[in-house]
Structures are given as structure tokens and as C-alpha cells.
Amino acid sequence: MLSKTTEYALRAIVYIAINNEGGKKVGIKELSQELELPSPFMGKILQDLVRKGVIASMKGPHGGFYLHRPASEITILEVVNTIDGLEAFKKCGMGMKKCSDKHPCPLHNDIKAYRDHLLGVFNKKNIQDLVDSIKSGKFFITNVPEDQVKILNPLL
């Protein structure tokens, strides 16, 4: 349901948020290596997020990307909307242009329930919720073996 760009953006923002708790700014090279994401593509995504005010950046030797507002104020829906817009929550599951509650396709009610639920989750959950779930040790944003998790997340 989410584009690859939004998936990468969410993982990057969570990683930045985890590191921000220690006052650290994160560079593209570190972020790309730790999350195993393509560096040039990440650079474009992060710059777009900076331009649109979701995250901030600072140039220079101690620069990098950081959160300029609390992670608890950045909802998943804000990130999704910033990157992809909310069109996916309005589209017909069968591609009909005029699918609606009054003129539904055969999948309309099922897909609408799924979309509405997901929209509610994305609106309710914020980046801090994701950070907290990772700090619990039950969830991960990296593809590394579990014995190396503490290296990537020193907060555990």
C-alpha cells in the first residue's frame, strides 16, 4: 500500500529520531549503511522531507539530519501525505473512476473498511510510538541479525 519512497522515509525518520534522543545528527552515508538503503535515493527523500518541514538538516562537520520538533508530533499519516499524498485512501480497488458509497464496485465496502482502518492507524500512531516499539526490543527497522541489534540501537 505504501510506496517504496514512503517506506524508506518512515524508516529513516525513525532512525533519525532514535539518534536524536542522544543529541546526534545523522548523515546520509550512515543512514544508508545502517538501514541498507540506496544513498542517492535517500538523499533525495531526506531533502524533500526537509523542504516540506517534516525534518531538518544542518550542514558542516557536525551536521546531518535531525528532528526539529518532537517525534510525538509527527504522525505516520503526515509522512505518508508528504511523500505520496492521500490518494491511495480514496482510490477504487478495481480502478473505477466513479466508485463511491452511492455507486460502489463489488470490492468497495471491503476495501473502504481496510483503507479507513489503515488511515486511522496512520493518523493515531506517531514516530515516537515507532521509536518506543523499537526500544522495547520487539520490533526492528534494520535487516541485521539480532545479535548485532545493540550495535545499531545503543538505547537498547
N, C-alpha and C. Protein backbone atom coordinates (compact mmCIF):
# COMPACT_ATOMS: atom_id res chain seq x y z
N MET A 1 0.82 -1.20 0.00
CA MET A 1 0.00 0.00 0.00
C MET A 1 0.86 1.26 0.00
N LEU A 2 1.97 1.23 0.74
CA LEU A 2 2.86 2.38 0.76
C LEU A 2 3.89 2.26 -0.35
N SER A 3 4.28 3.39 -0.91
CA SER A 3 5.33 3.37 -1.92
C SER A 3 6.67 3.08 -1.25
N LYS A 4 7.62 2.65 -2.05
CA LYS A 4 8.98 2.40 -1.55
C LYS A 4 9.54 3.68 -0.95
N THR A 5 9.24 4.82 -1.56
CA THR A 5 9.72 6.11 -1.06
C THR A 5 9.21 6.37 0.35
N THR A 6 7.93 6.12 0.58
CA THR A 6 7.36 6.34 1.92
C THR A 6 7.92 5.33 2.92
N GLU A 7 8.09 4.09 2.50
CA GLU A 7 8.69 3.08 3.39
C GLU A 7 10.08 3.52 3.83
N TYR A 8 10.89 3.96 2.88
CA TYR A 8 12.25 4.42 3.20
C TYR A 8 12.20 5.66 4.10
N ALA A 9 11.29 6.58 3.80
CA ALA A 9 11.18 7.80 4.60
C ALA A 9 10.83 7.48 6.04
N LEU A 10 9.88 6.58 6.25
CA LEU A 10 9.49 6.21 7.62
C LEU A 10 10.66 5.59 8.37
N ARG A 11 11.35 4.66 7.72
CA ARG A 11 12.50 4.02 8.39
C ARG A 11 13.57 5.05 8.72
N ALA A 12 13.82 5.96 7.79
CA ALA A 12 14.84 6.99 8.01
C ALA A 12 14.46 7.92 9.16
N ILE A 13 13.22 8.36 9.20
CA ILE A 13 12.78 9.28 10.25
C ILE A 13 12.87 8.59 11.62
N VAL A 14 12.50 7.34 11.68
CA VAL A 14 12.59 6.60 12.95
C VAL A 14 14.05 6.49 13.38
N TYR A 15 14.93 6.17 12.44
CA TYR A 15 16.36 6.08 12.76
C TYR A 15 16.90 7.42 13.24
N ILE A 16 16.51 8.49 12.56
CA ILE A 16 16.93 9.83 12.96
C ILE A 16 16.40 10.14 14.36
N ALA A 17 15.15 9.79 14.63
CA ALA A 17 14.55 10.06 15.94
C ALA A 17 15.28 9.30 17.05
N ILE A 18 15.62 8.05 16.79
CA ILE A 18 16.35 7.27 17.80
C ILE A 18 17.68 7.94 18.13
N ASN A 19 18.38 8.38 17.11
CA ASN A 19 19.67 9.03 17.32
C ASN A 19 19.53 10.42 17.90
N ASN A 20 18.44 11.12 17.60
CA ASN A 20 18.21 12.45 18.16
C ASN A 20 18.05 12.42 19.67
N GLU A 21 17.59 11.30 20.21
CA GLU A 21 17.42 11.22 21.66
C GLU A 21 18.76 11.39 22.37
N GLY A 22 19.84 11.06 21.69
CA GLY A 22 21.17 11.27 22.24
C GLY A 22 21.80 12.56 21.74
N GLY A 23 21.04 13.38 21.04
CA GLY A 23 21.52 14.66 20.54
C GLY A 23 22.33 14.56 19.26
N LYS A 24 22.35 13.41 18.65
CA LYS A 24 23.16 13.18 17.45
C LYS A 24 22.39 13.52 16.18
N LYS A 25 23.09 14.11 15.22
CA LYS A 25 22.54 14.31 13.89
C LYS A 25 23.05 13.18 13.01
N VAL A 26 22.26 12.77 12.03
CA VAL A 26 22.59 11.61 11.22
C VAL A 26 22.87 12.03 9.78
N GLY A 27 23.98 11.54 9.23
CA GLY A 27 24.33 11.80 7.84
C GLY A 27 23.72 10.75 6.92
N ILE A 28 23.64 11.10 5.65
CA ILE A 28 23.06 10.18 4.65
C ILE A 28 23.86 8.89 4.57
N LYS A 29 25.18 9.00 4.61
CA LYS A 29 26.02 7.81 4.47
C LYS A 29 25.74 6.82 5.60
N GLU A 30 25.72 7.29 6.84
CA GLU A 30 25.43 6.42 7.99
C GLU A 30 24.04 5.81 7.87
N LEU A 31 23.07 6.66 7.58
CA LEU A 31 21.70 6.19 7.49
C LEU A 31 21.55 5.12 6.41
N SER A 32 22.13 5.37 5.26
CA SER A 32 22.04 4.41 4.15
C SER A 32 22.71 3.09 4.49
N GLN A 33 23.87 3.16 5.14
CA GLN A 33 24.58 1.93 5.53
C GLN A 33 23.80 1.15 6.58
N GLU A 34 23.38 1.82 7.63
CA GLU A 34 22.73 1.13 8.74
C GLU A 34 21.38 0.54 8.36
N LEU A 35 20.66 1.21 7.49
CA LEU A 35 19.33 0.73 7.09
C LEU A 35 19.35 -0.02 5.76
N GLU A 36 20.55 -0.12 5.17
CA GLU A 36 20.71 -0.79 3.89
C GLU A 36 19.78 -0.22 2.82
N LEU A 37 19.85 1.10 2.69
CA LEU A 37 19.03 1.82 1.71
C LEU A 37 19.95 2.55 0.73
N PRO A 38 19.52 2.71 -0.51
CA PRO A 38 20.37 3.36 -1.51
C PRO A 38 20.62 4.84 -1.20
N SER A 39 21.88 5.20 -1.09
CA SER A 39 22.28 6.53 -0.66
C SER A 39 21.76 7.67 -1.55
N PRO A 40 21.89 7.61 -2.87
CA PRO A 40 21.39 8.74 -3.68
C PRO A 40 19.88 8.94 -3.54
N PHE A 41 19.14 7.83 -3.50
CA PHE A 41 17.69 7.90 -3.35
C PHE A 41 17.33 8.47 -1.98
N MET A 42 18.06 8.04 -0.94
CA MET A 42 17.81 8.55 0.41
C MET A 42 18.07 10.05 0.48
N GLY A 43 19.12 10.49 -0.20
CA GLY A 43 19.43 11.93 -0.21
C GLY A 43 18.26 12.74 -0.75
N LYS A 44 17.66 12.27 -1.83
CA LYS A 44 16.52 12.97 -2.42
C LYS A 44 15.31 12.95 -1.47
N ILE A 45 15.06 11.79 -0.86
CA ILE A 45 13.93 11.67 0.06
C ILE A 45 14.10 12.61 1.25
N LEU A 46 15.29 12.59 1.85
CA LEU A 46 15.54 13.41 3.04
C LEU A 46 15.48 14.90 2.71
N GLN A 47 16.02 15.30 1.58
CA GLN A 47 15.95 16.72 1.20
C GLN A 47 14.50 17.14 0.98
N ASP A 48 13.70 16.26 0.42
CA ASP A 48 12.28 16.55 0.23
C ASP A 48 11.58 16.72 1.58
N LEU A 49 11.91 15.84 2.53
CA LEU A 49 11.33 15.94 3.88
C LEU A 49 11.75 17.23 4.58
N VAL A 50 12.99 17.68 4.33
CA VAL A 50 13.46 18.94 4.90
C VAL A 50 12.69 20.10 4.27
N ARG A 51 12.60 20.10 2.94
CA ARG A 51 11.89 21.18 2.23
C ARG A 51 10.45 21.30 2.70
N LYS A 52 9.84 20.17 3.01
CA LYS A 52 8.42 20.18 3.40
C LYS A 52 8.23 20.29 4.91
N GLY A 53 9.33 20.48 5.66
CA GLY A 53 9.25 20.77 7.09
C GLY A 53 9.04 19.59 8.02
N VAL A 54 9.19 18.37 7.52
CA VAL A 54 9.00 17.20 8.39
C VAL A 54 10.22 16.99 9.28
N ILE A 55 11.42 17.14 8.70
CA ILE A 55 12.67 17.03 9.45
C ILE A 55 13.51 18.27 9.13
N ALA A 56 14.68 18.37 9.74
CA ALA A 56 15.58 19.49 9.49
C ALA A 56 16.98 18.95 9.21
N SER A 57 17.83 19.82 8.66
CA SER A 57 19.21 19.43 8.42
C SER A 57 20.14 20.59 8.73
N MET A 58 21.39 20.23 8.97
CA MET A 58 22.41 21.22 9.25
C MET A 58 23.65 20.80 8.48
N LYS A 59 24.26 21.75 7.80
CA LYS A 59 25.49 21.46 7.05
C LYS A 59 26.70 21.63 7.96
N GLY A 60 27.80 21.06 7.53
CA GLY A 60 29.05 21.23 8.26
C GLY A 60 29.52 19.95 8.91
N PRO A 61 30.68 20.02 9.59
CA PRO A 61 31.29 18.83 10.18
C PRO A 61 30.43 18.15 11.25
N HIS A 62 29.61 18.90 11.95
CA HIS A 62 28.74 18.32 12.97
C HIS A 62 27.29 18.34 12.50
N GLY A 63 27.11 18.39 11.19
CA GLY A 63 25.78 18.49 10.62
C GLY A 63 25.15 17.13 10.39
N GLY A 64 24.01 17.15 9.75
CA GLY A 64 23.26 15.95 9.45
C GLY A 64 21.78 16.24 9.56
N PHE A 65 21.01 15.19 9.57
CA PHE A 65 19.56 15.31 9.67
C PHE A 65 19.12 15.10 11.11
N TYR A 66 18.09 15.84 11.50
CA TYR A 66 17.57 15.74 12.86
C TYR A 66 16.10 16.15 12.88
N LEU A 67 15.45 15.88 13.99
CA LEU A 67 14.07 16.31 14.17
C LEU A 67 14.07 17.68 14.83
N HIS A 68 13.35 18.62 14.26
CA HIS A 68 13.26 19.95 14.84
C HIS A 68 12.00 20.14 15.67
N ARG A 69 11.24 19.06 15.80
CA ARG A 69 10.07 19.05 16.68
C ARG A 69 9.96 17.65 17.26
N PRO A 70 9.23 17.49 18.33
CA PRO A 70 9.15 16.17 18.97
C PRO A 70 8.63 15.08 18.03
N ALA A 71 9.21 13.90 18.16
CA ALA A 71 8.78 12.75 17.36
C ALA A 71 7.31 12.42 17.60
N SER A 72 6.82 12.76 18.77
CA SER A 72 5.41 12.50 19.11
C SER A 72 4.46 13.39 18.32
N GLU A 73 4.97 14.43 17.68
CA GLU A 73 4.13 15.34 16.89
C GLU A 73 4.12 15.00 15.40
N ILE A 74 4.92 14.01 15.00
CA ILE A 74 4.99 13.63 13.58
C ILE A 74 4.24 12.31 13.41
N THR A 75 3.06 12.38 12.84
CA THR A 75 2.28 11.15 12.64
C THR A 75 2.75 10.42 11.38
N ILE A 76 2.46 9.14 11.34
CA ILE A 76 2.76 8.37 10.14
C ILE A 76 1.98 8.95 8.96
N LEU A 77 0.75 9.38 9.22
CA LEU A 77 -0.08 9.96 8.17
C LEU A 77 0.57 11.22 7.57
N GLU A 78 1.21 12.02 8.40
CA GLU A 78 1.89 13.22 7.89
C GLU A 78 2.99 12.82 6.91
N VAL A 79 3.74 11.79 7.25
CA VAL A 79 4.82 11.33 6.37
C VAL A 79 4.24 10.77 5.07
N VAL A 80 3.22 9.93 5.20
CA VAL A 80 2.57 9.36 4.01
C VAL A 80 2.03 10.47 3.12
N ASN A 81 1.35 11.43 3.72
CA ASN A 81 0.78 12.54 2.97
C ASN A 81 1.86 13.39 2.30
N THR A 82 2.95 13.62 3.00
CA THR A 82 4.05 14.42 2.48
C THR A 82 4.69 13.76 1.26
N ILE A 83 4.86 12.47 1.31
CA ILE A 83 5.54 11.75 0.22
C ILE A 83 4.57 11.36 -0.90
N ASP A 84 3.50 10.68 -0.56
CA ASP A 84 2.61 10.11 -1.57
C ASP A 84 1.27 10.82 -1.73
N GLY A 85 0.90 11.65 -0.76
CA GLY A 85 -0.44 12.21 -0.77
C GLY A 85 -1.41 11.18 -0.22
N LEU A 86 -2.66 11.52 -0.19
CA LEU A 86 -3.67 10.62 0.39
C LEU A 86 -4.55 9.96 -0.66
N GLU A 87 -4.15 10.03 -1.90
CA GLU A 87 -4.95 9.46 -2.99
C GLU A 87 -5.21 7.97 -2.80
N ALA A 88 -4.24 7.24 -2.25
CA ALA A 88 -4.40 5.79 -2.06
C ALA A 88 -5.58 5.47 -1.14
N PHE A 89 -5.96 6.42 -0.31
CA PHE A 89 -7.07 6.20 0.62
C PHE A 89 -8.42 6.56 -0.01
N LYS A 90 -8.38 6.97 -1.27
CA LYS A 90 -9.60 7.37 -1.96
C LYS A 90 -9.87 6.53 -3.21
N LYS A 91 -8.83 5.87 -3.72
CA LYS A 91 -8.94 5.15 -4.98
C LYS A 91 -9.81 3.90 -4.88
N CYS A 92 -10.43 3.59 -5.98
CA CYS A 92 -11.24 2.38 -6.09
C CYS A 92 -10.31 1.17 -6.21
N GLY A 93 -10.66 0.11 -5.54
CA GLY A 93 -9.87 -1.12 -5.60
C GLY A 93 -9.89 -1.81 -6.95
N MET A 94 -10.84 -1.45 -7.78
CA MET A 94 -10.94 -2.03 -9.12
C MET A 94 -10.63 -1.01 -10.21
N GLY A 95 -10.19 0.16 -9.78
CA GLY A 95 -9.77 1.18 -10.75
C GLY A 95 -10.88 1.98 -11.39
N MET A 96 -12.10 1.88 -10.85
CA MET A 96 -13.21 2.66 -11.41
C MET A 96 -13.06 4.13 -11.02
N LYS A 97 -13.35 5.01 -11.95
CA LYS A 97 -13.21 6.44 -11.69
C LYS A 97 -14.32 7.00 -10.82
N LYS A 98 -15.51 6.41 -10.90
CA LYS A 98 -16.65 6.96 -10.17
C LYS A 98 -17.18 6.02 -9.10
N CYS A 99 -16.30 5.24 -8.51
CA CYS A 99 -16.70 4.34 -7.43
C CYS A 99 -16.96 5.19 -6.18
N SER A 100 -18.08 4.94 -5.52
CA SER A 100 -18.44 5.71 -4.32
C SER A 100 -19.41 4.90 -3.47
N ASP A 101 -19.77 5.44 -2.33
CA ASP A 101 -20.75 4.77 -1.47
C ASP A 101 -22.09 4.61 -2.20
N LYS A 102 -22.44 5.58 -3.05
CA LYS A 102 -23.70 5.53 -3.78
C LYS A 102 -23.62 4.70 -5.06
N HIS A 103 -22.42 4.57 -5.59
CA HIS A 103 -22.21 3.82 -6.84
C HIS A 103 -20.96 2.94 -6.65
N PRO A 104 -21.07 1.88 -5.81
CA PRO A 104 -19.89 1.08 -5.43
C PRO A 104 -19.54 -0.02 -6.43
N CYS A 105 -18.25 -0.32 -6.48
CA CYS A 105 -17.79 -1.50 -7.21
C CYS A 105 -17.99 -2.71 -6.29
N PRO A 106 -17.82 -3.94 -6.78
CA PRO A 106 -18.03 -5.11 -5.93
C PRO A 106 -17.10 -5.22 -4.71
N LEU A 107 -15.95 -4.55 -4.77
CA LEU A 107 -15.00 -4.60 -3.65
C LEU A 107 -15.07 -3.37 -2.75
N HIS A 108 -15.91 -2.42 -3.10
CA HIS A 108 -15.92 -1.11 -2.43
C HIS A 108 -15.99 -1.20 -0.90
N ASN A 109 -16.96 -1.90 -0.37
CA ASN A 109 -17.14 -1.94 1.09
C ASN A 109 -15.97 -2.60 1.80
N ASP A 110 -15.45 -3.68 1.23
CA ASP A 110 -14.31 -4.37 1.85
C ASP A 110 -13.06 -3.49 1.84
N ILE A 111 -12.78 -2.88 0.71
CA ILE A 111 -11.58 -2.05 0.59
C ILE A 111 -11.73 -0.78 1.41
N LYS A 112 -12.91 -0.22 1.44
CA LYS A 112 -13.14 1.00 2.22
C LYS A 112 -12.89 0.74 3.71
N ALA A 113 -13.34 -0.40 4.21
CA ALA A 113 -13.11 -0.74 5.62
C ALA A 113 -11.62 -0.86 5.91
N TYR A 114 -10.89 -1.50 5.02
CA TYR A 114 -9.44 -1.66 5.18
C TYR A 114 -8.75 -0.31 5.14
N ARG A 115 -9.09 0.52 4.13
CA ARG A 115 -8.47 1.85 3.99
C ARG A 115 -8.78 2.73 5.19
N ASP A 116 -10.04 2.71 5.64
CA ASP A 116 -10.42 3.54 6.78
C ASP A 116 -9.67 3.13 8.04
N HIS A 117 -9.51 1.82 8.24
CA HIS A 117 -8.77 1.33 9.40
C HIS A 117 -7.31 1.78 9.32
N LEU A 118 -6.69 1.58 8.17
CA LEU A 118 -5.28 1.96 7.99
C LEU A 118 -5.10 3.47 8.15
N LEU A 119 -6.02 4.23 7.61
CA LEU A 119 -5.98 5.68 7.76
C LEU A 119 -6.03 6.07 9.24
N GLY A 120 -6.87 5.39 10.00
CA GLY A 120 -6.96 5.65 11.44
C GLY A 120 -5.68 5.31 12.17
N VAL A 121 -5.07 4.18 11.83
CA VAL A 121 -3.80 3.78 12.45
C VAL A 121 -2.72 4.80 12.12
N PHE A 122 -2.62 5.19 10.86
CA PHE A 122 -1.59 6.15 10.45
C PHE A 122 -1.80 7.51 11.09
N ASN A 123 -3.04 7.88 11.34
CA ASN A 123 -3.33 9.16 11.96
C ASN A 123 -3.06 9.14 13.47
N LYS A 124 -3.25 7.97 14.07
CA LYS A 124 -3.07 7.84 15.53
C LYS A 124 -1.61 7.62 15.92
N LYS A 125 -0.91 6.79 15.16
CA LYS A 125 0.48 6.46 15.51
C LYS A 125 1.42 7.56 15.04
N ASN A 126 2.41 7.82 15.89
CA ASN A 126 3.41 8.81 15.53
C ASN A 126 4.81 8.19 15.56
N ILE A 127 5.78 8.98 15.18
CA ILE A 127 7.16 8.48 15.10
C ILE A 127 7.65 8.03 16.48
N GLN A 128 7.26 8.73 17.53
CA GLN A 128 7.68 8.33 18.88
C GLN A 128 7.14 6.95 19.23
N ASP A 129 5.92 6.64 18.81
CA ASP A 129 5.37 5.30 19.03
C ASP A 129 6.25 4.24 18.38
N LEU A 130 6.73 4.52 17.18
CA LEU A 130 7.59 3.57 16.48
C LEU A 130 8.94 3.45 17.16
N VAL A 131 9.48 4.58 17.60
CA VAL A 131 10.76 4.57 18.34
C VAL A 131 10.61 3.74 19.61
N ASP A 132 9.55 3.97 20.35
CA ASP A 132 9.33 3.24 21.60
C ASP A 132 9.19 1.74 21.36
N SER A 133 8.53 1.37 20.26
CA SER A 133 8.38 -0.06 19.98
C SER A 133 9.72 -0.69 19.62
N ILE A 134 10.59 0.05 18.97
CA ILE A 134 11.93 -0.46 18.66
C ILE A 134 12.77 -0.56 19.93
N LYS A 135 12.68 0.44 20.79
CA LYS A 135 13.43 0.42 22.04
C LYS A 135 12.99 -0.72 22.95
N SER A 136 11.77 -1.21 22.76
CA SER A 136 11.29 -2.34 23.56
C SER A 136 12.02 -3.62 23.20
N GLY A 137 12.66 -3.64 22.03
CA GLY A 137 13.39 -4.81 21.58
C GLY A 137 12.53 -5.81 20.82
N LYS A 138 11.26 -5.52 20.65
CA LYS A 138 10.35 -6.45 19.95
C LYS A 138 10.27 -6.18 18.45
N PHE A 139 10.64 -4.96 18.04
CA PHE A 139 10.49 -4.57 16.64
C PHE A 139 11.79 -3.98 16.13
N PHE A 140 11.98 -4.01 14.80
CA PHE A 140 13.24 -3.57 14.21
C PHE A 140 13.00 -2.80 12.92
N ILE A 141 13.97 -1.95 12.56
CA ILE A 141 13.91 -1.25 11.27
C ILE A 141 15.12 -1.62 10.42
N THR A 142 15.94 -2.54 10.90
CA THR A 142 17.11 -2.97 10.15
C THR A 142 16.97 -4.44 9.79
N ASN A 143 17.80 -4.87 8.89
CA ASN A 143 17.77 -6.26 8.44
C ASN A 143 18.94 -7.05 9.01
N VAL A 144 19.48 -6.61 10.13
CA VAL A 144 20.66 -7.28 10.68
C VAL A 144 20.27 -8.39 11.63
N PRO A 145 21.18 -9.34 11.86
CA PRO A 145 20.91 -10.40 12.84
C PRO A 145 20.70 -9.81 14.23
N GLU A 146 19.90 -10.51 15.04
CA GLU A 146 19.53 -10.00 16.37
C GLU A 146 20.73 -9.74 17.28
N ASP A 147 21.82 -10.50 17.12
CA ASP A 147 22.98 -10.30 17.99
C ASP A 147 23.70 -8.99 17.69
N GLN A 148 23.37 -8.33 16.58
CA GLN A 148 24.00 -7.06 16.24
C GLN A 148 23.08 -5.87 16.47
N VAL A 149 21.89 -6.09 16.97
CA VAL A 149 20.92 -5.03 17.15
C VAL A 149 21.43 -3.95 18.11
N LYS A 150 22.09 -4.33 19.18
CA LYS A 150 22.59 -3.34 20.15
C LYS A 150 23.61 -2.40 19.52
N ILE A 151 24.32 -2.87 18.51
CA ILE A 151 25.28 -2.02 17.83
C ILE A 151 24.54 -0.91 17.10
N LEU A 152 23.43 -1.26 16.46
CA LEU A 152 22.66 -0.26 15.72
C LEU A 152 21.77 0.59 16.58
N ASN A 153 21.34 0.04 17.73
CA ASN A 153 20.46 0.77 18.61
C ASN A 153 21.05 0.74 20.02
N PRO A 154 21.97 1.64 20.30
CA PRO A 154 22.61 1.65 21.62
C PRO A 154 21.67 1.95 22.76
N LEU A 155 20.44 2.38 22.46
CA LEU A 155 19.47 2.69 23.51
C LEU A 155 18.88 1.42 24.12
N LEU A 156 19.08 0.27 23.46
CA LEU A 156 18.53 -0.99 24.00
C LEU A 156 19.36 -1.48 25.17
